[in-house]
Amino acid sequence: MLALVTVSAIFLRWLPQHGLPILLLFAVSAGAAAAIYFTQRRRYRARSRGIRKENVDADITAVLWTAFAGVVLGGLGVGIVLAG
């Protein structure tokens, strides 16, 4: 989450060089960071229950959404840099 917030700030720093399309990158990274932050308590609570019951399941949806956000950020970043 902190890495995504840091990347969001770096994207804003690129705004003068690459123009308004950078705001799309900022929105994706800030949205992913916010999603991680706002679902953190639920995920931690579920994992602590799993530890108590000695049966912890992986949160595959969280992993897939984070991977999807990374792929989207990478694709958009490459596209914006190549277009500009």
PDB file of N, CA and C in Angstrom:
ATOM      1  N   MET A   1       0.819  -1.174   0.000  1.00  0.00           N
ATOM      2  CA  MET A   1       0.000   0.000   0.000  1.00  0.00           C
ATOM      3  C   MET A   1       0.873   1.251   0.000  1.00  0.00           C
ATOM      4  N   LEU A   2       1.882   1.268   0.842  1.00  0.00           N
ATOM      5  CA  LEU A   2       2.752   2.447   0.891  1.00  0.00           C
ATOM      6  C   LEU A   2       3.520   2.633  -0.409  1.00  0.00           C
ATOM      7  N   ALA A   3       3.876   1.536  -1.039  1.00  0.00           N
ATOM      8  CA  ALA A   3       4.570   1.632  -2.326  1.00  0.00           C
ATOM      9  C   ALA A   3       3.654   2.243  -3.382  1.00  0.00           C
ATOM     10  N   LEU A   4       2.385   1.882  -3.376  1.00  0.00           N
ATOM     11  CA  LEU A   4       1.444   2.458  -4.336  1.00  0.00           C
ATOM     12  C   LEU A   4       1.208   3.943  -4.083  1.00  0.00           C
ATOM     13  N   VAL A   5       1.192   4.338  -2.826  1.00  0.00           N
ATOM     14  CA  VAL A   5       1.052   5.764  -2.507  1.00  0.00           C
ATOM     15  C   VAL A   5       2.286   6.525  -2.983  1.00  0.00           C
ATOM     16  N   THR A   6       3.460   5.952  -2.788  1.00  0.00           N
ATOM     17  CA  THR A   6       4.696   6.584  -3.251  1.00  0.00           C
ATOM     18  C   THR A   6       4.706   6.699  -4.770  1.00  0.00           C
ATOM     19  N   VAL A   7       4.288   5.652  -5.446  1.00  0.00           N
ATOM     20  CA  VAL A   7       4.228   5.679  -6.904  1.00  0.00           C
ATOM     21  C   VAL A   7       3.228   6.729  -7.375  1.00  0.00           C
ATOM     22  N   SER A   8       2.125   6.892  -6.660  1.00  0.00           N
ATOM     23  CA  SER A   8       1.146   7.924  -7.019  1.00  0.00           C
ATOM     24  C   SER A   8       1.776   9.306  -6.981  1.00  0.00           C
ATOM     25  N   ALA A   9       2.584   9.556  -5.964  1.00  0.00           N
ATOM     26  CA  ALA A   9       3.261  10.852  -5.872  1.00  0.00           C
ATOM     27  C   ALA A   9       4.272  11.034  -7.006  1.00  0.00           C
ATOM     28  N   ILE A  10       4.948   9.963  -7.369  1.00  0.00           N
ATOM     29  CA  ILE A  10       5.900  10.047  -8.480  1.00  0.00           C
ATOM     30  C   ILE A  10       5.166  10.325  -9.783  1.00  0.00           C
ATOM     31  N   PHE A  11       4.002   9.717  -9.964  1.00  0.00           N
ATOM     32  CA  PHE A  11       3.218   9.983 -11.165  1.00  0.00           C
ATOM     33  C   PHE A  11       2.830  11.460 -11.241  1.00  0.00           C
ATOM     34  N   LEU A  12       2.453  12.043 -10.128  1.00  0.00           N
ATOM     35  CA  LEU A  12       2.113  13.469 -10.142  1.00  0.00           C
ATOM     36  C   LEU A  12       3.322  14.321 -10.509  1.00  0.00           C
ATOM     37  N   ARG A  13       4.491  13.869 -10.142  1.00  0.00           N
ATOM     38  CA  ARG A  13       5.701  14.606 -10.500  1.00  0.00           C
ATOM     39  C   ARG A  13       5.959  14.544 -12.008  1.00  0.00           C
ATOM     40  N   TRP A  14       5.501  13.487 -12.669  1.00  0.00           N
ATOM     41  CA  TRP A  14       5.656  13.345 -14.117  1.00  0.00           C
ATOM     42  C   TRP A  14       4.642  14.162 -14.907  1.00  0.00           C
ATOM     43  N   LEU A  15       3.681  14.742 -14.234  1.00  0.00           N
ATOM     44  CA  LEU A  15       2.594  15.457 -14.906  1.00  0.00           C
ATOM     45  C   LEU A  15       3.074  16.530 -15.876  1.00  0.00           C
ATOM     46  N   PRO A  16       4.056  17.380 -15.530  1.00  0.00           N
ATOM     47  CA  PRO A  16       4.498  18.396 -16.493  1.00  0.00           C
ATOM     48  C   PRO A  16       5.154  17.812 -17.753  1.00  0.00           C
ATOM     49  N   GLN A  17       5.832  16.674 -17.627  1.00  0.00           N
ATOM     50  CA  GLN A  17       6.522  16.096 -18.779  1.00  0.00           C
ATOM     51  C   GLN A  17       5.579  15.326 -19.704  1.00  0.00           C
ATOM     52  N   HIS A  18       4.592  14.620 -19.145  1.00  0.00           N
ATOM     53  CA  HIS A  18       3.770  13.724 -19.946  1.00  0.00           C
ATOM     54  C   HIS A  18       2.316  14.166 -20.081  1.00  0.00           C
ATOM     55  N   GLY A  19       1.921  15.196 -19.391  1.00  0.00           N
ATOM     56  CA  GLY A  19       0.576  15.734 -19.550  1.00  0.00           C
ATOM     57  C   GLY A  19      -0.499  15.006 -18.739  1.00  0.00           C
ATOM     58  N   LEU A  20      -1.731  15.285 -19.107  1.00  0.00           N
ATOM     59  CA  LEU A  20      -2.887  14.796 -18.356  1.00  0.00           C
ATOM     60  C   LEU A  20      -3.090  13.278 -18.341  1.00  0.00           C
ATOM     61  N   PRO A  21      -2.591  12.514 -19.322  1.00  0.00           N
ATOM     62  CA  PRO A  21      -2.769  11.053 -19.212  1.00  0.00           C
ATOM     63  C   PRO A  21      -2.134  10.448 -17.951  1.00  0.00           C
ATOM     64  N   ILE A  22      -1.209  11.156 -17.354  1.00  0.00           N
ATOM     65  CA  ILE A  22      -0.583  10.671 -16.117  1.00  0.00           C
ATOM     66  C   ILE A  22      -1.615  10.585 -14.999  1.00  0.00           C
ATOM     67  N   LEU A  23      -2.660  11.407 -15.068  1.00  0.00           N
ATOM     68  CA  LEU A  23      -3.687  11.362 -14.035  1.00  0.00           C
ATOM     69  C   LEU A  23      -4.405  10.010 -14.014  1.00  0.00           C
ATOM     70  N   LEU A  24      -4.445   9.335 -15.147  1.00  0.00           N
ATOM     71  CA  LEU A  24      -5.026   7.999 -15.192  1.00  0.00           C
ATOM     72  C   LEU A  24      -4.160   7.019 -14.387  1.00  0.00           C
ATOM     73  N   LEU A  25      -2.854   7.124 -14.544  1.00  0.00           N
ATOM     74  CA  LEU A  25      -1.946   6.291 -13.742  1.00  0.00           C
ATOM     75  C   LEU A  25      -2.094   6.603 -12.256  1.00  0.00           C
ATOM     76  N   PHE A  26      -2.188   7.890 -11.955  1.00  0.00           N
ATOM     77  CA  PHE A  26      -2.373   8.303 -10.564  1.00  0.00           C
ATOM     78  C   PHE A  26      -3.662   7.709  -9.998  1.00  0.00           C
ATOM     79  N   ALA A  27      -4.735   7.760 -10.773  1.00  0.00           N
ATOM     80  CA  ALA A  27      -6.020   7.246 -10.303  1.00  0.00           C
ATOM     81  C   ALA A  27      -5.973   5.739 -10.054  1.00  0.00           C
ATOM     82  N   VAL A  28      -5.327   5.003 -10.946  1.00  0.00           N
ATOM     83  CA  VAL A  28      -5.244   3.546 -10.778  1.00  0.00           C
ATOM     84  C   VAL A  28      -4.415   3.198  -9.543  1.00  0.00           C
ATOM     85  N   SER A  29      -3.263   3.839  -9.374  1.00  0.00           N
ATOM     86  CA  SER A  29      -2.410   3.505  -8.234  1.00  0.00           C
ATOM     87  C   SER A  29      -3.019   3.976  -6.916  1.00  0.00           C
ATOM     88  N   ALA A  30      -3.617   5.159  -6.901  1.00  0.00           N
ATOM     89  CA  ALA A  30      -4.265   5.636  -5.675  1.00  0.00           C
ATOM     90  C   ALA A  30      -5.492   4.792  -5.354  1.00  0.00           C
ATOM     91  N   GLY A  31      -6.230   4.375  -6.371  1.00  0.00           N
ATOM     92  CA  GLY A  31      -7.383   3.504  -6.145  1.00  0.00           C
ATOM     93  C   GLY A  31      -6.985   2.149  -5.596  1.00  0.00           C
ATOM     94  N   ALA A  32      -5.915   1.589  -6.118  1.00  0.00           N
ATOM     95  CA  ALA A  32      -5.435   0.297  -5.608  1.00  0.00           C
ATOM     96  C   ALA A  32      -4.964   0.430  -4.161  1.00  0.00           C
ATOM     97  N   ALA A  33      -4.259   1.521  -3.853  1.00  0.00           N
ATOM     98  CA  ALA A  33      -3.800   1.741  -2.482  1.00  0.00           C
ATOM     99  C   ALA A  33      -4.994   1.908  -1.539  1.00  0.00           C
ATOM    100  N   ALA A  34      -6.004   2.653  -1.978  1.00  0.00           N
ATOM    101  CA  ALA A  34      -7.194   2.850  -1.149  1.00  0.00           C
ATOM    102  C   ALA A  34      -7.937   1.533  -0.937  1.00  0.00           C
ATOM    103  N   ALA A  35      -8.041   0.721  -1.978  1.00  0.00           N
ATOM    104  CA  ALA A  35      -8.715  -0.576  -1.842  1.00  0.00           C
ATOM    105  C   ALA A  35      -7.982  -1.469  -0.849  1.00  0.00           C
ATOM    106  N   ILE A  36      -6.675  -1.477  -0.910  1.00  0.00           N
ATOM    107  CA  ILE A  36      -5.889  -2.272   0.036  1.00  0.00           C
ATOM    108  C   ILE A  36      -6.095  -1.753   1.455  1.00  0.00           C
ATOM    109  N   TYR A  37      -6.063  -0.433   1.612  1.00  0.00           N
ATOM    110  CA  TYR A  37      -6.208   0.158   2.942  1.00  0.00           C
ATOM    111  C   TYR A  37      -7.579  -0.138   3.544  1.00  0.00           C
ATOM    112  N   PHE A  38      -8.637   0.030   2.754  1.00  0.00           N
ATOM    113  CA  PHE A  38      -9.987  -0.122   3.286  1.00  0.00           C
ATOM    114  C   PHE A  38     -10.406  -1.577   3.486  1.00  0.00           C
ATOM    115  N   THR A  39      -9.730  -2.524   2.874  1.00  0.00           N
ATOM    116  CA  THR A  39     -10.050  -3.940   3.091  1.00  0.00           C
ATOM    117  C   THR A  39      -9.054  -4.619   4.025  1.00  0.00           C
ATOM    118  N   GLN A  40      -8.093  -3.874   4.522  1.00  0.00           N
ATOM    119  CA  GLN A  40      -7.029  -4.448   5.344  1.00  0.00           C
ATOM    120  C   GLN A  40      -7.566  -5.057   6.640  1.00  0.00           C
ATOM    121  N   ARG A  41      -8.440  -4.355   7.307  1.00  0.00           N
ATOM    122  CA  ARG A  41      -8.941  -4.842   8.591  1.00  0.00           C
ATOM    123  C   ARG A  41      -9.705  -6.156   8.413  1.00  0.00           C
ATOM    124  N   ARG A  42     -10.550  -6.221   7.381  1.00  0.00           N
ATOM    125  CA  ARG A  42     -11.313  -7.444   7.118  1.00  0.00           C
ATOM    126  C   ARG A  42     -10.381  -8.617   6.838  1.00  0.00           C
ATOM    127  N   ARG A  43      -9.337  -8.375   6.027  1.00  0.00           N
ATOM    128  CA  ARG A  43      -8.402  -9.452   5.696  1.00  0.00           C
ATOM    129  C   ARG A  43      -7.611  -9.897   6.908  1.00  0.00           C
ATOM    130  N   TYR A  44      -7.158  -8.955   7.737  1.00  0.00           N
ATOM    131  CA  TYR A  44      -6.408  -9.322   8.938  1.00  0.00           C
ATOM    132  C   TYR A  44      -7.284 -10.100   9.916  1.00  0.00           C
ATOM    133  N   ARG A  45      -8.526  -9.674  10.049  1.00  0.00           N
ATOM    134  CA  ARG A  45      -9.438 -10.365  10.960  1.00  0.00           C
ATOM    135  C   ARG A  45      -9.684 -11.807  10.488  1.00  0.00           C
ATOM    136  N   ALA A  46      -9.883 -11.981   9.190  1.00  0.00           N
ATOM    137  CA  ALA A  46     -10.105 -13.325   8.648  1.00  0.00           C
ATOM    138  C   ALA A  46      -8.870 -14.197   8.848  1.00  0.00           C
ATOM    139  N   ARG A  47      -7.687 -13.654   8.655  1.00  0.00           N
ATOM    140  CA  ARG A  47      -6.465 -14.440   8.836  1.00  0.00           C
ATOM    141  C   ARG A  47      -6.245 -14.788  10.308  1.00  0.00           C
ATOM    142  N   SER A  48      -6.563 -13.865  11.215  1.00  0.00           N
ATOM    143  CA  SER A  48      -6.379 -14.179  12.633  1.00  0.00           C
ATOM    144  C   SER A  48      -7.353 -15.273  13.072  1.00  0.00           C
ATOM    145  N   ARG A  49      -8.587 -15.258  12.528  1.00  0.00           N
ATOM    146  CA  ARG A  49      -9.516 -16.358  12.806  1.00  0.00           C
ATOM    147  C   ARG A  49      -8.967 -17.672  12.254  1.00  0.00           C
ATOM    148  N   GLY A  50      -8.375 -17.601  11.067  1.00  0.00           N
ATOM    149  CA  GLY A  50      -7.800 -18.807  10.473  1.00  0.00           C
ATOM    150  C   GLY A  50      -6.656 -19.361  11.298  1.00  0.00           C
ATOM    151  N   ILE A  51      -5.836 -18.470  11.840  1.00  0.00           N
ATOM    152  CA  ILE A  51      -4.727 -18.929  12.697  1.00  0.00           C
ATOM    153  C   ILE A  51      -5.284 -19.568  13.960  1.00  0.00           C
ATOM    154  N   ARG A  52      -6.315 -18.956  14.530  1.00  0.00           N
ATOM    155  CA  ARG A  52      -6.929 -19.511  15.732  1.00  0.00           C
ATOM    156  C   ARG A  52      -7.504 -20.903  15.468  1.00  0.00           C
ATOM    157  N   LYS A  53      -8.111 -21.092  14.305  1.00  0.00           N
ATOM    158  CA  LYS A  53      -8.690 -22.387  13.950  1.00  0.00           C
ATOM    159  C   LYS A  53      -7.664 -23.336  13.328  1.00  0.00           C
ATOM    160  N   GLU A  54      -6.450 -22.861  13.149  1.00  0.00           N
ATOM    161  CA  GLU A  54      -5.361 -23.616  12.526  1.00  0.00           C
ATOM    162  C   GLU A  54      -5.721 -24.049  11.104  1.00  0.00           C
ATOM    163  N   ASN A  55      -6.383 -23.151  10.381  1.00  0.00           N
ATOM    164  CA  ASN A  55      -6.759 -23.413   8.997  1.00  0.00           C
ATOM    165  C   ASN A  55      -6.824 -22.067   8.262  1.00  0.00           C
ATOM    166  N   VAL A  56      -5.699 -21.654   7.690  1.00  0.00           N
ATOM    167  CA  VAL A  56      -5.621 -20.362   7.014  1.00  0.00           C
ATOM    168  C   VAL A  56      -5.676 -20.589   5.510  1.00  0.00           C
ATOM    169  N   ASP A  57      -6.632 -19.923   4.872  1.00  0.00           N
ATOM    170  CA  ASP A  57      -6.759 -19.994   3.417  1.00  0.00           C
ATOM    171  C   ASP A  57      -6.129 -18.757   2.790  1.00  0.00           C
ATOM    172  N   ALA A  58      -5.583 -18.940   1.610  1.00  0.00           N
ATOM    173  CA  ALA A  58      -5.005 -17.816   0.886  1.00  0.00           C
ATOM    174  C   ALA A  58      -6.127 -16.935   0.339  1.00  0.00           C
ATOM    175  N   ASP A  59      -5.893 -15.631   0.335  1.00  0.00           N
ATOM    176  CA  ASP A  59      -6.863 -14.679  -0.212  1.00  0.00           C
ATOM    177  C   ASP A  59      -6.536 -14.471  -1.687  1.00  0.00           C
ATOM    178  N   ILE A  60      -7.001 -15.384  -2.508  1.00  0.00           N
ATOM    179  CA  ILE A  60      -6.654 -15.388  -3.925  1.00  0.00           C
ATOM    180  C   ILE A  60      -7.209 -14.161  -4.640  1.00  0.00           C
ATOM    181  N   THR A  61      -8.399 -13.719  -4.262  1.00  0.00           N
ATOM    182  CA  THR A  61      -8.973 -12.549  -4.942  1.00  0.00           C
ATOM    183  C   THR A  61      -8.135 -11.303  -4.706  1.00  0.00           C
ATOM    184  N   ALA A  62      -7.617 -11.126  -3.498  1.00  0.00           N
ATOM    185  CA  ALA A  62      -6.776  -9.965  -3.220  1.00  0.00           C
ATOM    186  C   ALA A  62      -5.493 -10.019  -4.040  1.00  0.00           C
ATOM    187  N   VAL A  63      -4.921 -11.198  -4.146  1.00  0.00           N
ATOM    188  CA  VAL A  63      -3.697 -11.357  -4.936  1.00  0.00           C
ATOM    189  C   VAL A  63      -3.965 -11.066  -6.408  1.00  0.00           C
ATOM    190  N   LEU A  64      -5.075 -11.581  -6.930  1.00  0.00           N
ATOM    191  CA  LEU A  64      -5.395 -11.358  -8.336  1.00  0.00           C
ATOM    192  C   LEU A  64      -5.700  -9.890  -8.634  1.00  0.00           C
ATOM    193  N   TRP A  65      -6.438  -9.220  -7.753  1.00  0.00           N
ATOM    194  CA  TRP A  65      -6.729  -7.792  -7.968  1.00  0.00           C
ATOM    195  C   TRP A  65      -5.454  -6.948  -7.917  1.00  0.00           C
ATOM    196  N   THR A  66      -4.550  -7.281  -6.994  1.00  0.00           N
ATOM    197  CA  THR A  66      -3.285  -6.548  -6.906  1.00  0.00           C
ATOM    198  C   THR A  66      -2.439  -6.800  -8.152  1.00  0.00           C
ATOM    199  N   ALA A  67      -2.408  -8.032  -8.624  1.00  0.00           N
ATOM    200  CA  ALA A  67      -1.670  -8.341  -9.847  1.00  0.00           C
ATOM    201  C   ALA A  67      -2.283  -7.619 -11.042  1.00  0.00           C
ATOM    202  N   PHE A  68      -3.609  -7.588 -11.111  1.00  0.00           N
ATOM    203  CA  PHE A  68      -4.300  -6.889 -12.193  1.00  0.00           C
ATOM    204  C   PHE A  68      -3.965  -5.400 -12.177  1.00  0.00           C
ATOM    205  N   ALA A  69      -3.956  -4.801 -10.990  1.00  0.00           N
ATOM    206  CA  ALA A  69      -3.612  -3.382 -10.883  1.00  0.00           C
ATOM    207  C   ALA A  69      -2.172  -3.142 -11.338  1.00  0.00           C
ATOM    208  N   GLY A  70      -1.267  -4.047 -10.990  1.00  0.00           N
ATOM    209  CA  GLY A  70       0.124  -3.912 -11.430  1.00  0.00           C
ATOM    210  C   GLY A  70       0.274  -4.014 -12.934  1.00  0.00           C
ATOM    211  N   VAL A  71      -0.445  -4.948 -13.533  1.00  0.00           N
ATOM    212  CA  VAL A  71      -0.392  -5.113 -14.993  1.00  0.00           C
ATOM    213  C   VAL A  71      -0.979  -3.886 -15.688  1.00  0.00           C
ATOM    214  N   VAL A  72      -2.097  -3.374 -15.175  1.00  0.00           N
ATOM    215  CA  VAL A  72      -2.713  -2.176 -15.755  1.00  0.00           C
ATOM    216  C   VAL A  72      -1.776  -0.982 -15.627  1.00  0.00           C
ATOM    217  N   LEU A  73      -1.162  -0.812 -14.469  1.00  0.00           N
ATOM    218  CA  LEU A  73      -0.217   0.294 -14.284  1.00  0.00           C
ATOM    219  C   LEU A  73       0.961   0.178 -15.245  1.00  0.00           C
ATOM    220  N   GLY A  74       1.482  -1.013 -15.383  1.00  0.00           N
ATOM    221  CA  GLY A  74       2.605  -1.215 -16.299  1.00  0.00           C
ATOM    222  C   GLY A  74       2.233  -0.923 -17.733  1.00  0.00           C
ATOM    223  N   GLY A  75       1.101  -1.452 -18.167  1.00  0.00           N
ATOM    224  CA  GLY A  75       0.659  -1.215 -19.549  1.00  0.00           C
ATOM    225  C   GLY A  75       0.366   0.245 -19.831  1.00  0.00           C
ATOM    226  N   LEU A  76      -0.346   0.890 -18.907  1.00  0.00           N
ATOM    227  CA  LEU A  76      -0.635   2.305 -19.091  1.00  0.00           C
ATOM    228  C   LEU A  76       0.639   3.149 -19.078  1.00  0.00           C
ATOM    229  N   GLY A  77       1.552   2.813 -18.181  1.00  0.00           N
ATOM    230  CA  GLY A  77       2.805   3.563 -18.095  1.00  0.00           C
ATOM    231  C   GLY A  77       3.614   3.467 -19.377  1.00  0.00           C
ATOM    232  N   VAL A  78       3.751   2.264 -19.872  1.00  0.00           N
ATOM    233  CA  VAL A  78       4.488   2.082 -21.142  1.00  0.00           C
ATOM    234  C   VAL A  78       3.788   2.813 -22.270  1.00  0.00           C
ATOM    235  N   GLY A  79       2.471   2.696 -22.328  1.00  0.00           N
ATOM    236  CA  GLY A  79       1.717   3.376 -23.385  1.00  0.00           C
ATOM    237  C   GLY A  79       1.859   4.885 -23.332  1.00  0.00           C
ATOM    238  N   ILE A  80       1.789   5.451 -22.154  1.00  0.00           N
ATOM    239  CA  ILE A  80       1.896   6.909 -22.004  1.00  0.00           C
ATOM    240  C   ILE A  80       3.290   7.396 -22.359  1.00  0.00           C
ATOM    241  N   VAL A  81       4.305   6.692 -21.905  1.00  0.00           N
ATOM    242  CA  VAL A  81       5.686   7.106 -22.195  1.00  0.00           C
ATOM    243  C   VAL A  81       5.980   6.997 -23.689  1.00  0.00           C
ATOM    244  N   LEU A  82       5.516   5.920 -24.321  1.00  0.00           N
ATOM    245  CA  LEU A  82       5.757   5.760 -25.754  1.00  0.00           C
ATOM    246  C   LEU A  82       4.958   6.762 -26.598  1.00  0.00           C
ATOM    247  N   ALA A  83       3.766   7.110 -26.146  1.00  0.00           N
ATOM    248  CA  ALA A  83       2.924   8.057 -26.882  1.00  0.00           C
ATOM    249  C   ALA A  83       3.453   9.485 -26.761  1.00  0.00           C
ATOM    250  N   GLY A  84       4.104   9.780 -25.640  1.00  0.00           N
ATOM    251  CA  GLY A  84       4.542  11.162 -25.408  1.00  0.00           C
ATOM    252  C   GLY A  84       5.914  11.348 -25.843  1.00  0.00           C
TER     253      GLY A  84
END
